[in-house]
Amino acid sequence: MAMRMRRSIPLALAALALVWSIPSTAEADMLGSLAEKFESALTSGSYGLALGLIFVAGLATALTPCVYPMIAVTVSVFGARQAKSKTEGALLSLSFVLGIAALFTPLGVISALTGNAMGAALANPWVLVGLAILFIAMATSMFGAWDMSLPSGLQNKLAQVGGAGYKGAFAVGFVNGLIAAPCTGPVLTVLLTYVGTEQSITFGASALFVYSLGLGALFFVVGTFAVSLPKTGKWVEHVKSVFGIVMLVLAFYYLRGILPIPQPEFRSDLWLYIPIGLVVVGLAIGAIHKSFKEGSALDRTRKGLGVLATTCGGLGVIFWFGALPAGAHIEWLDDYDAAAELARTDGKPLLVDFGADWCGACNELEHQAMSDPRVIAEAQRFVPVRVDLSADKATEAKWTLLNDTYEQPGLPLVVFHDGEGEEAHRITGLVSADEFLEVMQGIN
């Protein structure tokens, strides 16, 4: 099997965030432990860590030039500055934040409802190239190469929406989400893509609602407590640079099955330490604090080299998180017909795994259940075959096998056939290693 990424987008972003916060001497075991805790939380349906990261993403978006300079003015527009009490100011500010949530939360529900369509689209190389181009365009905008903004006439009309009272504050919050689109767009694109692959309406709604809370948190604090925020400065542009690097990492993440980008199949310390070193060097020479718009030619060169090193290093760390621990791997066949014939000839049970690198649930199932040493040992009495529906592996015959032969509309899907060739059990969601092993032991 070709090497491929096996992690969800939030884990990828979490990995990149961790890289920016740890020294180059970090231990691989520590990072692995954090990754396993993150996976465990997602597998068990405990999305607390993922939602926490999403809240931080919303808060970080509020620190960008599209949003931060507007906070004090916007709070005055919906009347929180003129409130007669802290309670009234808090309620007005809450109405404003709920207005933001009213714009974004339905997007999470829609994305989750269209999850199967999104999953199929992510198997199309042209779609992946399109997403990569979109992310690269967003990244260059974050770096200041061009301005992504709404027409000034439309911005002025939107700014006039609202009025006094709670309804007015709610309306101002709703349109504020539209005005901030140039800086919320990159984060929303990533978030909605992940929600679509998860196909959970509850998580989709929760994720976008929590993102709205993060985006509106500073508005709430200023409107309720009448605090003064630090003045804008170069640090606001630094926040945009962070988002730009994340966009570049994700662009090449989507191209990993199309371009010859090296990826580890199993984790190793060397694969971890070299990318961390690249990130540290990239940050040191100017990936964040230098600018393409200001300074000398040397400063711009340092910025470019820093962005390149940090992007490569961040992608490498994400690939490390996506690799399996050494030895934790079932020896899959990749030809379904040959595997089925071998199982029939030898009278062995057949284990069929339908997966794809864009399927978050499939990747979590492999890491949480199929990489367990007990499951790997039990798999030796099966003929195991993987039907890979990743963008660079999917064929019409494989989709027909999934949709028509097994009558399954989407992923994940693991099917167990007994020694007679009859289907004995199938798994269509996340299960623990113990549950997976129990099913295997019941197949004769």
Protein backbone atom coordinates (compact mmCIF):
# COMPACT_ATOMS: atom_id res chain seq x y z
CA MET A 1 0.00 0.00 0.00
CA ALA A 2 1.20 3.50 -0.76
CA MET A 3 1.97 5.65 2.20
CA ARG A 4 -0.88 8.00 3.07
CA MET A 5 -2.05 10.46 5.65
CA ARG A 6 -4.37 9.02 8.29
CA ARG A 7 -5.53 11.92 10.41
CA SER A 8 -8.36 14.39 10.50
CA ILE A 9 -7.92 18.09 9.82
CA PRO A 10 -8.29 19.23 13.45
CA LEU A 11 -5.51 16.85 14.46
CA ALA A 12 -3.36 18.29 11.68
CA LEU A 13 -3.97 21.81 12.93
CA ALA A 14 -3.37 20.70 16.51
CA ALA A 15 -0.05 19.20 15.47
CA LEU A 16 1.00 22.42 13.80
CA ALA A 17 -0.02 24.44 16.84
CA LEU A 18 1.99 22.14 19.08
CA VAL A 19 5.06 22.55 16.88
CA TRP A 20 4.90 26.32 17.29
CA SER A 21 4.76 25.99 21.06
CA ILE A 22 7.51 23.43 21.82
CA PRO A 23 11.30 23.50 21.56
CA SER A 24 13.22 21.46 19.04
CA THR A 25 14.29 19.04 21.76
CA ALA A 26 10.71 17.84 22.32
CA GLU A 27 10.27 14.14 22.91
CA ALA A 28 8.44 12.04 20.30
CA ASP A 29 6.73 10.05 23.04
CA MET A 30 5.17 13.21 24.47
CA LEU A 31 3.75 14.25 21.09
CA GLY A 32 2.53 10.73 20.45
CA SER A 33 0.74 10.69 23.80
CA LEU A 34 -0.99 13.97 23.00
CA ALA A 35 -2.03 12.66 19.59
CA GLU A 36 -3.45 9.49 21.11
CA LYS A 37 -5.46 11.48 23.67
CA PHE A 38 -6.84 13.66 20.88
CA GLU A 39 -7.80 10.61 18.81
CA SER A 40 -9.35 8.90 21.81
CA ALA A 41 -11.51 11.93 22.51
CA LEU A 42 -12.76 12.08 18.93
CA THR A 43 -13.33 8.32 18.73
CA SER A 44 -15.41 8.26 21.92
CA GLY A 45 -17.48 11.18 20.70
CA SER A 46 -15.92 13.53 23.28
CA TYR A 47 -15.23 16.50 21.05
CA GLY A 48 -14.08 18.78 23.90
CA LEU A 49 -10.49 19.17 22.69
CA ALA A 50 -11.52 19.69 19.06
CA LEU A 51 -14.11 22.29 20.09
CA GLY A 52 -11.53 23.97 22.31
CA LEU A 53 -9.18 24.31 19.33
CA ILE A 54 -12.05 25.65 17.23
CA PHE A 55 -12.81 28.28 19.91
CA VAL A 56 -9.14 29.31 19.85
CA ALA A 57 -9.34 29.56 16.05
CA GLY A 58 -12.32 31.89 16.40
CA LEU A 59 -10.50 33.98 18.99
CA ALA A 60 -7.43 34.15 16.73
CA THR A 61 -9.63 35.28 13.83
CA ALA A 62 -10.82 38.16 16.00
CA LEU A 63 -7.20 39.32 16.21
CA THR A 64 -6.87 39.77 12.44
CA PRO A 65 -7.03 43.18 10.70
CA CYS A 66 -10.50 42.42 9.33
CA VAL A 67 -11.99 42.19 12.82
CA TYR A 68 -9.80 43.60 15.59
CA PRO A 69 -9.90 47.31 14.61
CA MET A 70 -13.71 47.13 14.39
CA ILE A 71 -14.34 45.86 17.92
CA ALA A 72 -14.51 49.15 19.84
CA VAL A 73 -16.55 50.89 17.12
CA THR A 74 -18.94 47.96 16.69
CA VAL A 75 -19.59 47.71 20.43
CA SER A 76 -20.61 51.39 20.39
CA VAL A 77 -22.87 50.84 17.38
CA PHE A 78 -25.06 48.25 19.08
CA GLY A 79 -25.21 50.29 22.29
CA ALA A 80 -23.16 48.29 24.80
CA ARG A 81 -20.94 51.30 25.52
CA GLN A 82 -24.03 53.30 26.46
CA ALA A 83 -25.63 50.55 28.55
CA LYS A 84 -27.01 51.60 31.94
CA SER A 85 -25.57 48.57 33.73
CA LYS A 86 -23.14 45.72 33.22
CA THR A 87 -26.09 43.34 32.96
CA GLU A 88 -27.59 45.31 30.08
CA GLY A 89 -24.19 45.55 28.42
CA ALA A 90 -23.70 41.80 28.78
CA LEU A 91 -27.13 41.04 27.28
CA LEU A 92 -26.54 43.38 24.34
CA SER A 93 -23.12 41.84 23.76
CA LEU A 94 -24.59 38.34 24.00
CA SER A 95 -27.22 39.27 21.42
CA PHE A 96 -24.42 40.44 19.13
CA VAL A 97 -22.52 37.16 19.54
CA LEU A 98 -25.69 35.13 18.91
CA GLY A 99 -26.14 37.12 15.70
CA ILE A 100 -22.72 35.87 14.54
CA ALA A 101 -23.72 32.33 15.52
CA ALA A 102 -26.98 32.63 13.57
CA LEU A 103 -24.92 33.22 10.43
CA PHE A 104 -22.32 30.48 10.90
CA THR A 105 -24.08 27.63 12.74
CA PRO A 106 -26.42 26.68 9.85
CA LEU A 107 -23.33 26.33 7.64
CA GLY A 108 -22.11 23.52 9.93
CA VAL A 109 -25.45 21.72 9.67
CA ILE A 110 -25.54 22.03 5.88
CA SER A 111 -21.95 20.81 5.57
CA ALA A 112 -22.69 17.76 7.75
CA LEU A 113 -25.86 16.95 5.77
CA THR A 114 -23.93 17.00 2.50
CA GLY A 115 -21.10 14.92 3.96
CA ASN A 116 -21.36 11.99 1.54
CA ALA A 117 -21.23 14.34 -1.43
CA MET A 118 -18.22 16.09 0.06
CA GLY A 119 -16.48 12.79 0.72
CA ALA A 120 -16.98 11.70 -2.88
CA ALA A 121 -15.77 15.10 -4.10
CA LEU A 122 -12.60 14.78 -2.03
CA ALA A 123 -11.79 11.61 -3.97
CA ASN A 124 -11.65 13.66 -7.18
CA PRO A 125 -8.13 14.96 -7.95
CA TRP A 126 -9.57 18.01 -9.72
CA VAL A 127 -11.51 18.97 -6.59
CA LEU A 128 -8.37 18.56 -4.48
CA VAL A 129 -6.36 20.72 -6.88
CA GLY A 130 -9.14 23.32 -6.72
CA LEU A 131 -9.08 23.32 -2.92
CA ALA A 132 -5.30 23.61 -2.92
CA ILE A 133 -5.43 26.59 -5.29
CA LEU A 134 -8.10 28.19 -3.08
CA PHE A 135 -5.96 27.74 0.04
CA ILE A 136 -2.86 29.09 -1.72
CA ALA A 137 -4.85 32.14 -2.88
CA MET A 138 -6.08 32.70 0.68
CA ALA A 139 -2.53 32.32 2.00
CA THR A 140 -1.15 34.93 -0.39
CA SER A 141 -3.93 37.27 0.71
CA MET A 142 -3.01 36.68 4.36
CA PHE A 143 0.59 37.56 3.45
CA GLY A 144 -0.58 40.82 1.88
CA ALA A 145 -0.01 39.98 -1.79
CA TRP A 146 -3.56 41.12 -2.59
CA ASP A 147 -6.58 42.36 -0.65
CA MET A 148 -9.54 40.02 -0.20
CA SER A 149 -12.38 42.30 0.82
CA LEU A 150 -16.01 43.08 0.13
CA PRO A 151 -16.82 46.03 -2.15
CA SER A 152 -16.77 49.25 -0.11
CA GLY A 153 -20.37 50.10 -1.12
CA LEU A 154 -21.62 46.76 0.20
CA GLN A 155 -19.58 47.16 3.40
CA ASN A 156 -21.17 50.58 4.02
CA LYS A 157 -24.69 49.23 3.52
CA LEU A 158 -24.04 46.28 5.83
CA ALA A 159 -22.59 48.59 8.48
CA GLN A 160 -25.86 50.55 8.54
CA VAL A 161 -27.91 47.47 9.45
CA GLY A 162 -29.13 47.19 13.04
CA GLY A 163 -30.21 49.77 15.56
CA ALA A 164 -30.87 50.12 19.22
CA GLY A 165 -31.86 47.25 21.49
CA TYR A 166 -31.29 43.54 21.47
CA LYS A 167 -32.72 42.97 17.99
CA GLY A 168 -30.41 45.63 16.63
CA ALA A 169 -27.40 44.06 18.37
CA PHE A 170 -28.37 40.66 16.93
CA ALA A 171 -28.61 42.14 13.42
CA VAL A 172 -25.25 43.91 13.78
CA GLY A 173 -23.67 40.60 14.83
CA PHE A 174 -25.14 38.82 11.81
CA VAL A 175 -23.84 41.35 9.29
CA ASN A 176 -20.52 41.64 11.14
CA GLY A 177 -19.89 38.00 10.23
CA LEU A 178 -20.33 38.97 6.56
CA ILE A 179 -18.08 42.04 6.83
CA ALA A 180 -15.34 39.92 8.41
CA ALA A 181 -15.55 37.35 5.58
CA PRO A 182 -12.04 38.08 4.22
CA CYS A 183 -10.50 36.79 7.46
CA THR A 184 -13.15 34.26 8.55
CA GLY A 185 -13.23 32.64 5.11
CA PRO A 186 -9.96 30.68 5.39
CA VAL A 187 -10.83 29.21 8.78
CA LEU A 188 -14.42 28.44 7.76
CA THR A 189 -13.27 26.66 4.61
CA VAL A 190 -11.07 24.32 6.63
CA LEU A 191 -13.70 23.83 9.32
CA LEU A 192 -16.57 23.10 6.94
CA THR A 193 -14.45 20.65 4.96
CA TYR A 194 -13.73 18.68 8.13
CA VAL A 195 -17.36 18.80 9.29
CA GLY A 196 -18.40 17.42 5.91
CA THR A 197 -16.09 14.42 6.24
CA GLU A 198 -17.26 13.75 9.82
CA GLN A 199 -20.93 13.79 8.70
CA SER A 200 -22.16 14.58 12.22
CA ILE A 201 -24.91 17.20 12.38
CA THR A 202 -24.42 17.61 16.12
CA PHE A 203 -20.70 18.21 15.79
CA GLY A 204 -21.19 20.41 12.72
CA ALA A 205 -23.61 22.71 14.54
CA SER A 206 -21.51 22.68 17.72
CA ALA A 207 -18.26 23.41 15.86
CA LEU A 208 -19.59 26.46 14.04
CA PHE A 209 -21.40 27.72 17.15
CA VAL A 210 -18.21 27.44 19.21
CA TYR A 211 -16.26 29.17 16.43
CA SER A 212 -18.80 32.01 16.61
CA LEU A 213 -18.31 32.25 20.38
CA GLY A 214 -14.55 32.51 19.88
CA LEU A 215 -14.96 35.16 17.20
CA GLY A 216 -17.32 37.17 19.41
CA ALA A 217 -15.50 36.71 22.73
CA LEU A 218 -13.58 40.01 22.60
CA PHE A 219 -16.73 41.88 21.55
CA PHE A 220 -18.48 40.43 24.59
CA VAL A 221 -15.66 41.36 26.97
CA VAL A 222 -15.40 44.92 25.65
CA GLY A 223 -19.17 45.41 25.57
CA THR A 224 -19.76 44.01 29.05
CA PHE A 225 -16.81 45.37 31.01
CA ALA A 226 -15.95 48.46 28.92
CA VAL A 227 -12.30 47.42 28.76
CA SER A 228 -9.85 49.04 26.37
CA LEU A 229 -8.02 46.72 24.01
CA PRO A 230 -4.36 47.18 23.02
CA LYS A 231 -3.87 49.31 19.93
CA THR A 232 -3.46 47.62 16.59
CA GLY A 233 0.05 47.21 15.26
CA LYS A 234 2.37 44.84 13.48
CA TRP A 235 1.26 42.01 15.76
CA VAL A 236 -2.10 41.97 13.95
CA GLU A 237 -0.28 41.32 10.68
CA HIS A 238 1.67 38.57 12.43
CA VAL A 239 -1.64 36.82 13.18
CA LYS A 240 -2.46 36.94 9.48
CA SER A 241 0.92 35.38 8.68
CA VAL A 242 0.10 32.47 11.01
CA PHE A 243 -3.15 31.87 9.14
CA GLY A 244 -1.30 32.14 5.83
CA ILE A 245 1.17 29.43 6.79
CA VAL A 246 -1.68 27.17 7.97
CA MET A 247 -3.37 27.70 4.59
CA LEU A 248 -0.19 26.68 2.73
CA VAL A 249 0.24 23.57 4.87
CA LEU A 250 -3.35 22.55 4.15
CA ALA A 251 -2.93 23.23 0.42
CA PHE A 252 -0.10 20.70 0.20
CA TYR A 253 -1.93 18.39 2.60
CA TYR A 254 -4.65 18.06 -0.04
CA LEU A 255 -2.06 17.52 -2.78
CA ARG A 256 -0.18 14.77 -0.91
CA GLY A 257 -1.73 12.01 -3.04
CA ILE A 258 -1.16 13.89 -6.30
CA LEU A 259 2.33 15.31 -5.89
CA PRO A 260 5.33 13.09 -5.00
CA ILE A 261 5.52 14.41 -1.44
CA PRO A 262 7.45 11.99 0.82
CA GLN A 263 5.45 10.61 3.76
CA PRO A 264 6.42 8.13 6.48
CA GLU A 265 4.45 4.91 6.81
CA PHE A 266 5.60 4.47 10.40
CA ARG A 267 6.66 6.98 13.04
CA SER A 268 10.34 7.63 13.66
CA ASP A 269 12.20 10.18 15.76
CA LEU A 270 14.17 11.39 12.74
CA TRP A 271 10.99 12.17 10.80
CA LEU A 272 9.77 14.21 13.77
CA TYR A 273 12.91 16.13 14.72
CA ILE A 274 13.86 17.31 11.23
CA PRO A 275 10.44 18.94 10.57
CA ILE A 276 10.43 20.51 14.05
CA GLY A 277 13.88 21.93 13.28
CA LEU A 278 12.57 23.38 10.01
CA VAL A 279 9.69 25.06 11.84
CA VAL A 280 11.99 26.53 14.47
CA VAL A 281 14.44 27.82 11.81
CA GLY A 282 11.58 29.18 9.69
CA LEU A 283 10.10 31.10 12.60
CA ALA A 284 13.50 32.41 13.62
CA ILE A 285 14.44 33.85 10.21
CA GLY A 286 11.12 35.63 9.67
CA ALA A 287 8.14 33.46 8.73
CA ILE A 288 5.91 35.47 11.08
CA HIS A 289 7.63 38.71 12.07
CA LYS A 290 8.97 39.76 8.66
CA SER A 291 6.75 41.24 5.93
CA PHE A 292 6.48 41.03 2.16
CA LYS A 293 5.16 44.61 2.10
CA GLU A 294 7.77 46.38 4.25
CA GLY A 295 11.51 46.31 4.78
CA SER A 296 14.43 45.59 2.48
CA ALA A 297 14.80 42.93 -0.18
CA LEU A 298 16.71 40.89 2.38
CA ASP A 299 13.74 41.06 4.78
CA ARG A 300 11.36 39.86 2.05
CA THR A 301 13.76 37.06 1.15
CA ARG A 302 13.94 36.01 4.80
CA LYS A 303 10.15 36.08 4.96
CA GLY A 304 9.88 33.82 1.91
CA LEU A 305 12.48 31.35 3.12
CA GLY A 306 10.92 31.35 6.58
CA VAL A 307 7.47 30.62 5.18
CA LEU A 308 8.92 27.82 3.01
CA ALA A 309 10.77 26.18 5.91
CA THR A 310 7.84 26.49 8.33
CA THR A 311 5.39 25.12 5.78
CA CYS A 312 7.59 22.12 4.98
CA GLY A 313 8.26 21.50 8.66
CA GLY A 314 4.61 21.80 9.63
CA LEU A 315 3.60 19.39 6.87
CA GLY A 316 6.28 16.93 8.00
CA VAL A 317 5.04 16.97 11.60
CA ILE A 318 1.47 16.40 10.42
CA PHE A 319 2.66 13.40 8.42
CA TRP A 320 4.39 12.08 11.55
CA PHE A 321 1.12 12.34 13.45
CA GLY A 322 -0.60 10.54 10.57
CA ALA A 323 1.81 7.61 10.52
CA LEU A 324 1.23 4.44 12.51
CA PRO A 325 3.53 3.36 15.35
CA ALA A 326 6.22 0.98 14.11
CA GLY A 327 4.83 -2.51 13.58
CA ALA A 328 1.21 -1.50 14.19
CA HIS A 329 0.03 -2.46 10.75
CA ILE A 330 -2.06 -5.23 9.21
CA GLU A 331 -0.48 -6.57 6.03
CA TRP A 332 -3.28 -5.61 3.66
CA LEU A 333 -3.68 -6.95 0.14
CA ASP A 334 -4.88 -4.39 -2.41
CA ASP A 335 -6.63 -6.62 -5.00
CA TYR A 336 -10.16 -7.44 -3.84
CA ASP A 337 -10.87 -10.17 -6.41
CA ALA A 338 -7.56 -11.92 -5.76
CA ALA A 339 -8.09 -11.73 -1.99
CA ALA A 340 -11.62 -13.10 -2.24
CA GLU A 341 -10.37 -16.00 -4.39
CA LEU A 342 -7.53 -16.72 -1.97
CA ALA A 343 -9.95 -16.78 0.96
CA ARG A 344 -12.28 -19.15 -0.92
CA THR A 345 -9.45 -21.49 -1.92
CA ASP A 346 -7.91 -21.65 1.57
CA GLY A 347 -11.23 -21.64 3.41
CA LYS A 348 -10.21 -18.58 5.41
CA PRO A 349 -12.41 -15.70 6.57
CA LEU A 350 -12.10 -12.49 4.54
CA LEU A 351 -11.58 -9.04 6.10
CA VAL A 352 -12.48 -6.15 3.77
CA ASP A 353 -11.65 -2.57 4.76
CA PHE A 354 -12.98 0.30 2.65
CA GLY A 355 -11.00 3.45 3.47
CA ALA A 356 -9.65 6.72 2.14
CA ASP A 357 -7.19 9.29 3.39
CA TRP A 358 -9.93 11.96 3.27
CA CYS A 359 -12.21 9.90 5.56
CA GLY A 360 -11.56 11.04 9.13
CA ALA A 361 -13.62 8.24 10.69
CA CYS A 362 -11.74 5.61 8.64
CA ASN A 363 -8.39 6.95 9.81
CA GLU A 364 -9.50 7.04 13.44
CA LEU A 365 -10.85 3.49 13.17
CA GLU A 366 -7.49 2.28 11.90
CA HIS A 367 -5.53 4.05 14.62
CA GLN A 368 -7.85 3.18 17.48
CA ALA A 369 -8.79 -0.40 16.56
CA MET A 370 -6.86 -1.91 13.66
CA SER A 371 -3.42 -0.89 14.95
CA ASP A 372 -3.97 -2.72 18.25
CA PRO A 373 -1.44 -5.60 18.60
CA ARG A 374 -4.23 -8.06 19.49
CA VAL A 375 -6.20 -7.14 16.38
CA ILE A 376 -3.08 -7.42 14.21
CA ALA A 377 -2.37 -10.89 15.62
CA GLU A 378 -5.99 -12.03 15.11
CA ALA A 379 -5.93 -10.72 11.53
CA GLN A 380 -3.33 -13.35 10.63
CA ARG A 381 -6.06 -15.99 10.32
CA PHE A 382 -7.98 -13.74 7.88
CA VAL A 383 -7.26 -12.76 4.31
CA PRO A 384 -7.19 -8.95 4.76
CA VAL A 385 -7.81 -6.65 1.79
CA ARG A 386 -8.10 -2.88 1.70
CA VAL A 387 -10.17 -1.12 -0.94
CA ASP A 388 -8.53 2.30 -1.06
CA LEU A 389 -10.80 5.13 -2.21
CA SER A 390 -8.22 7.88 -1.77
CA ALA A 391 -8.04 10.41 -4.58
CA ASP A 392 -5.05 8.77 -6.24
CA LYS A 393 -6.34 5.20 -5.74
CA ALA A 394 -10.09 5.33 -6.35
CA THR A 395 -11.50 3.72 -9.49
CA GLU A 396 -15.02 3.27 -10.83
CA ALA A 397 -14.81 -0.45 -10.02
CA LYS A 398 -13.99 0.28 -6.37
CA TRP A 399 -16.89 2.69 -6.02
CA THR A 400 -19.18 0.11 -7.62
CA LEU A 401 -17.95 -2.48 -5.13
CA LEU A 402 -18.81 -0.16 -2.25
CA ASN A 403 -22.11 1.27 -3.49
CA ASP A 404 -23.58 -1.63 -5.46
CA THR A 405 -22.02 -4.89 -4.27
CA TYR A 406 -22.05 -3.98 -0.58
CA GLU A 407 -24.89 -1.44 -0.90
CA GLN A 408 -23.09 1.04 1.34
CA PRO A 409 -23.52 4.78 0.55
CA GLY A 410 -20.39 6.02 2.32
CA LEU A 411 -17.43 5.40 4.59
CA PRO A 412 -16.27 3.96 6.91
CA LEU A 413 -17.04 0.31 6.14
CA VAL A 414 -15.31 -2.85 7.36
CA VAL A 415 -16.87 -6.17 6.29
CA PHE A 416 -16.16 -9.61 7.77
CA HIS A 417 -16.84 -12.73 5.68
CA ASP A 418 -16.73 -16.16 7.28
CA GLY A 419 -14.84 -19.16 5.92
CA GLU A 420 -17.79 -20.01 3.66
CA GLY A 421 -17.61 -16.60 2.00
CA GLU A 422 -20.83 -15.31 3.56
CA GLU A 423 -20.97 -11.86 5.11
CA ALA A 424 -20.97 -12.31 8.87
CA HIS A 425 -20.68 -8.76 10.19
CA ARG A 426 -19.99 -5.19 9.13
CA ILE A 427 -18.77 -2.09 10.93
CA THR A 428 -19.93 1.32 9.69
CA GLY A 429 -18.73 3.58 12.49
CA LEU A 430 -16.10 4.05 15.17
CA VAL A 431 -15.55 1.14 17.58
CA SER A 432 -12.91 0.39 20.19
CA ALA A 433 -10.13 -2.14 19.76
CA ASP A 434 -11.92 -4.46 22.22
CA GLU A 435 -15.15 -4.34 20.20
CA PHE A 436 -13.29 -4.88 16.94
CA LEU A 437 -11.40 -7.82 18.39
CA GLU A 438 -14.62 -9.39 19.75
CA VAL A 439 -16.16 -9.29 16.29
CA MET A 440 -13.07 -10.89 14.73
CA GLN A 441 -12.99 -13.68 17.30
CA GLY A 442 -16.62 -14.50 16.51
CA ILE A 443 -15.91 -15.08 12.81
CA ASN A 444 -15.18 -18.70 11.82
